[in-house]
Amino acid sequence: MARFFSLYGGDILVGALVLAGVVSVVRGMLRDKKAGKSVCGGCSGDCEHCSMHH
């Protein structure tokens, strides 16, 4: 078992950091969505998504 971690410990650490980053981004997006914030920063009609609402 120690040999496994000595061989793949770096890969496991990098994978865990990437996973933590992805989880953080998704949580932030969900919080923004709950707060009513949109991806484009508000429906001003400048983006394709917002132009559908105007």
N, C-alpha and C. Protein backbone atom coordinates (compact mmCIF):
# COMPACT_ATOMS: atom_id res chain seq x y z
N MET A 1 0.82 -1.19 0.00
CA MET A 1 0.00 0.00 0.00
C MET A 1 0.87 1.26 0.00
N ALA A 2 1.94 1.25 0.76
CA ALA A 2 2.83 2.41 0.81
C ALA A 2 3.47 2.63 -0.56
N ARG A 3 3.77 1.54 -1.25
CA ARG A 3 4.36 1.66 -2.58
C ARG A 3 3.38 2.32 -3.55
N PHE A 4 2.12 1.96 -3.44
CA PHE A 4 1.08 2.54 -4.28
C PHE A 4 1.05 4.06 -4.11
N PHE A 5 1.03 4.51 -2.85
CA PHE A 5 0.99 5.95 -2.59
C PHE A 5 2.28 6.64 -2.97
N SER A 6 3.38 5.95 -2.86
CA SER A 6 4.64 6.57 -3.27
C SER A 6 4.71 6.72 -4.79
N LEU A 7 4.07 5.79 -5.51
CA LEU A 7 4.05 5.87 -6.97
C LEU A 7 2.99 6.84 -7.49
N TYR A 8 1.82 6.84 -6.87
CA TYR A 8 0.68 7.59 -7.40
C TYR A 8 0.19 8.72 -6.50
N GLY A 9 0.92 9.01 -5.46
CA GLY A 9 0.52 10.06 -4.52
C GLY A 9 0.36 11.42 -5.18
N GLY A 10 1.28 11.77 -6.06
CA GLY A 10 1.19 13.04 -6.76
C GLY A 10 -0.03 13.12 -7.66
N ASP A 11 -0.31 12.03 -8.36
CA ASP A 11 -1.49 11.99 -9.24
C ASP A 11 -2.78 12.11 -8.42
N ILE A 12 -2.81 11.43 -7.29
CA ILE A 12 -3.99 11.50 -6.43
C ILE A 12 -4.18 12.91 -5.90
N LEU A 13 -3.10 13.56 -5.51
CA LEU A 13 -3.17 14.92 -5.00
C LEU A 13 -3.65 15.90 -6.07
N VAL A 14 -3.10 15.80 -7.26
CA VAL A 14 -3.51 16.68 -8.36
C VAL A 14 -4.98 16.43 -8.71
N GLY A 15 -5.38 15.19 -8.76
CA GLY A 15 -6.78 14.86 -9.03
C GLY A 15 -7.72 15.43 -7.98
N ALA A 16 -7.32 15.34 -6.73
CA ALA A 16 -8.13 15.88 -5.64
C ALA A 16 -8.24 17.40 -5.75
N LEU A 17 -7.15 18.07 -6.13
CA LEU A 17 -7.18 19.52 -6.28
C LEU A 17 -8.07 19.94 -7.45
N VAL A 18 -8.00 19.22 -8.55
CA VAL A 18 -8.85 19.51 -9.70
C VAL A 18 -10.32 19.29 -9.33
N LEU A 19 -10.60 18.21 -8.65
CA LEU A 19 -11.96 17.92 -8.22
C LEU A 19 -12.48 19.02 -7.28
N ALA A 20 -11.65 19.47 -6.35
CA ALA A 20 -12.04 20.55 -5.44
C ALA A 20 -12.33 21.83 -6.21
N GLY A 21 -11.55 22.12 -7.24
CA GLY A 21 -11.79 23.30 -8.06
C GLY A 21 -13.10 23.22 -8.80
N VAL A 22 -13.38 22.08 -9.38
CA VAL A 22 -14.63 21.89 -10.13
C VAL A 22 -15.82 22.01 -9.19
N VAL A 23 -15.74 21.40 -8.03
CA VAL A 23 -16.82 21.47 -7.05
C VAL A 23 -17.05 22.93 -6.63
N SER A 24 -15.97 23.66 -6.43
CA SER A 24 -16.07 25.06 -6.03
C SER A 24 -16.76 25.90 -7.11
N VAL A 25 -16.40 25.69 -8.35
CA VAL A 25 -17.02 26.44 -9.46
C VAL A 25 -18.50 26.10 -9.57
N VAL A 26 -18.85 24.84 -9.48
CA VAL A 26 -20.26 24.43 -9.59
C VAL A 26 -21.07 25.00 -8.44
N ARG A 27 -20.52 24.96 -7.22
CA ARG A 27 -21.22 25.53 -6.06
C ARG A 27 -21.44 27.02 -6.26
N GLY A 28 -20.45 27.72 -6.78
CA GLY A 28 -20.60 29.15 -7.03
C GLY A 28 -21.67 29.44 -8.06
N MET A 29 -21.71 28.62 -9.11
CA MET A 29 -22.73 28.80 -10.14
C MET A 29 -24.13 28.55 -9.58
N LEU A 30 -24.26 27.54 -8.73
CA LEU A 30 -25.56 27.24 -8.14
C LEU A 30 -25.99 28.36 -7.19
N ARG A 31 -25.05 28.90 -6.42
CA ARG A 31 -25.37 30.02 -5.53
C ARG A 31 -25.82 31.23 -6.33
N ASP A 32 -25.12 31.52 -7.42
CA ASP A 32 -25.49 32.65 -8.27
C ASP A 32 -26.88 32.45 -8.87
N LYS A 33 -27.16 31.23 -9.27
CA LYS A 33 -28.46 30.95 -9.86
C LYS A 33 -29.57 31.15 -8.83
N LYS A 34 -29.34 30.67 -7.60
CA LYS A 34 -30.32 30.86 -6.54
C LYS A 34 -30.52 32.33 -6.21
N ALA A 35 -29.45 33.11 -6.32
CA ALA A 35 -29.51 34.54 -6.01
C ALA A 35 -30.11 35.34 -7.16
N GLY A 36 -30.42 34.68 -8.28
CA GLY A 36 -31.03 35.36 -9.41
C GLY A 36 -30.04 36.00 -10.35
N LYS A 37 -28.77 35.72 -10.17
CA LYS A 37 -27.76 36.27 -11.08
C LYS A 37 -27.68 35.38 -12.31
N SER A 38 -27.53 36.00 -13.47
CA SER A 38 -27.40 35.20 -14.69
C SER A 38 -25.94 35.19 -15.13
N VAL A 39 -25.65 34.35 -16.07
CA VAL A 39 -24.29 34.20 -16.57
C VAL A 39 -23.79 35.49 -17.20
N CYS A 40 -24.68 36.20 -17.88
CA CYS A 40 -24.26 37.39 -18.60
C CYS A 40 -24.27 38.64 -17.71
N GLY A 41 -24.65 38.51 -16.46
CA GLY A 41 -24.61 39.63 -15.54
C GLY A 41 -25.89 40.45 -15.50
N GLY A 42 -26.92 39.99 -16.13
CA GLY A 42 -28.19 40.71 -16.11
C GLY A 42 -28.78 40.81 -17.50
N CYS A 43 -30.05 40.87 -17.59
CA CYS A 43 -30.71 40.91 -18.89
C CYS A 43 -30.76 42.33 -19.42
N SER A 44 -29.70 42.72 -20.08
CA SER A 44 -29.65 44.03 -20.70
C SER A 44 -29.98 43.94 -22.18
N GLY A 45 -30.12 42.70 -22.67
CA GLY A 45 -30.41 42.50 -24.08
C GLY A 45 -29.17 42.39 -24.94
N ASP A 46 -27.99 42.44 -24.34
CA ASP A 46 -26.75 42.41 -25.10
C ASP A 46 -26.32 41.00 -25.50
N CYS A 47 -26.76 40.01 -24.76
CA CYS A 47 -26.32 38.65 -25.10
C CYS A 47 -27.49 37.88 -25.71
N GLU A 48 -27.17 36.76 -26.32
CA GLU A 48 -28.18 35.97 -27.00
C GLU A 48 -29.27 35.49 -26.04
N HIS A 49 -28.85 35.07 -24.86
CA HIS A 49 -29.81 34.58 -23.85
C HIS A 49 -30.78 35.69 -23.47
N CYS A 50 -30.27 36.86 -23.21
CA CYS A 50 -31.11 37.98 -22.77
C CYS A 50 -31.98 38.51 -23.90
N SER A 51 -31.51 38.43 -25.12
CA SER A 51 -32.29 38.95 -26.24
C SER A 51 -33.57 38.13 -26.45
N MET A 52 -33.59 36.91 -25.96
CA MET A 52 -34.78 36.07 -26.09
C MET A 52 -35.88 36.59 -25.15
N HIS A 53 -35.49 37.28 -24.07
CA HIS A 53 -36.46 37.75 -23.10
C HIS A 53 -37.02 39.13 -23.43
N HIS A 54 -36.40 39.83 -24.38
CA HIS A 54 -36.84 41.19 -24.70
C HIS A 54 -37.66 41.21 -25.96
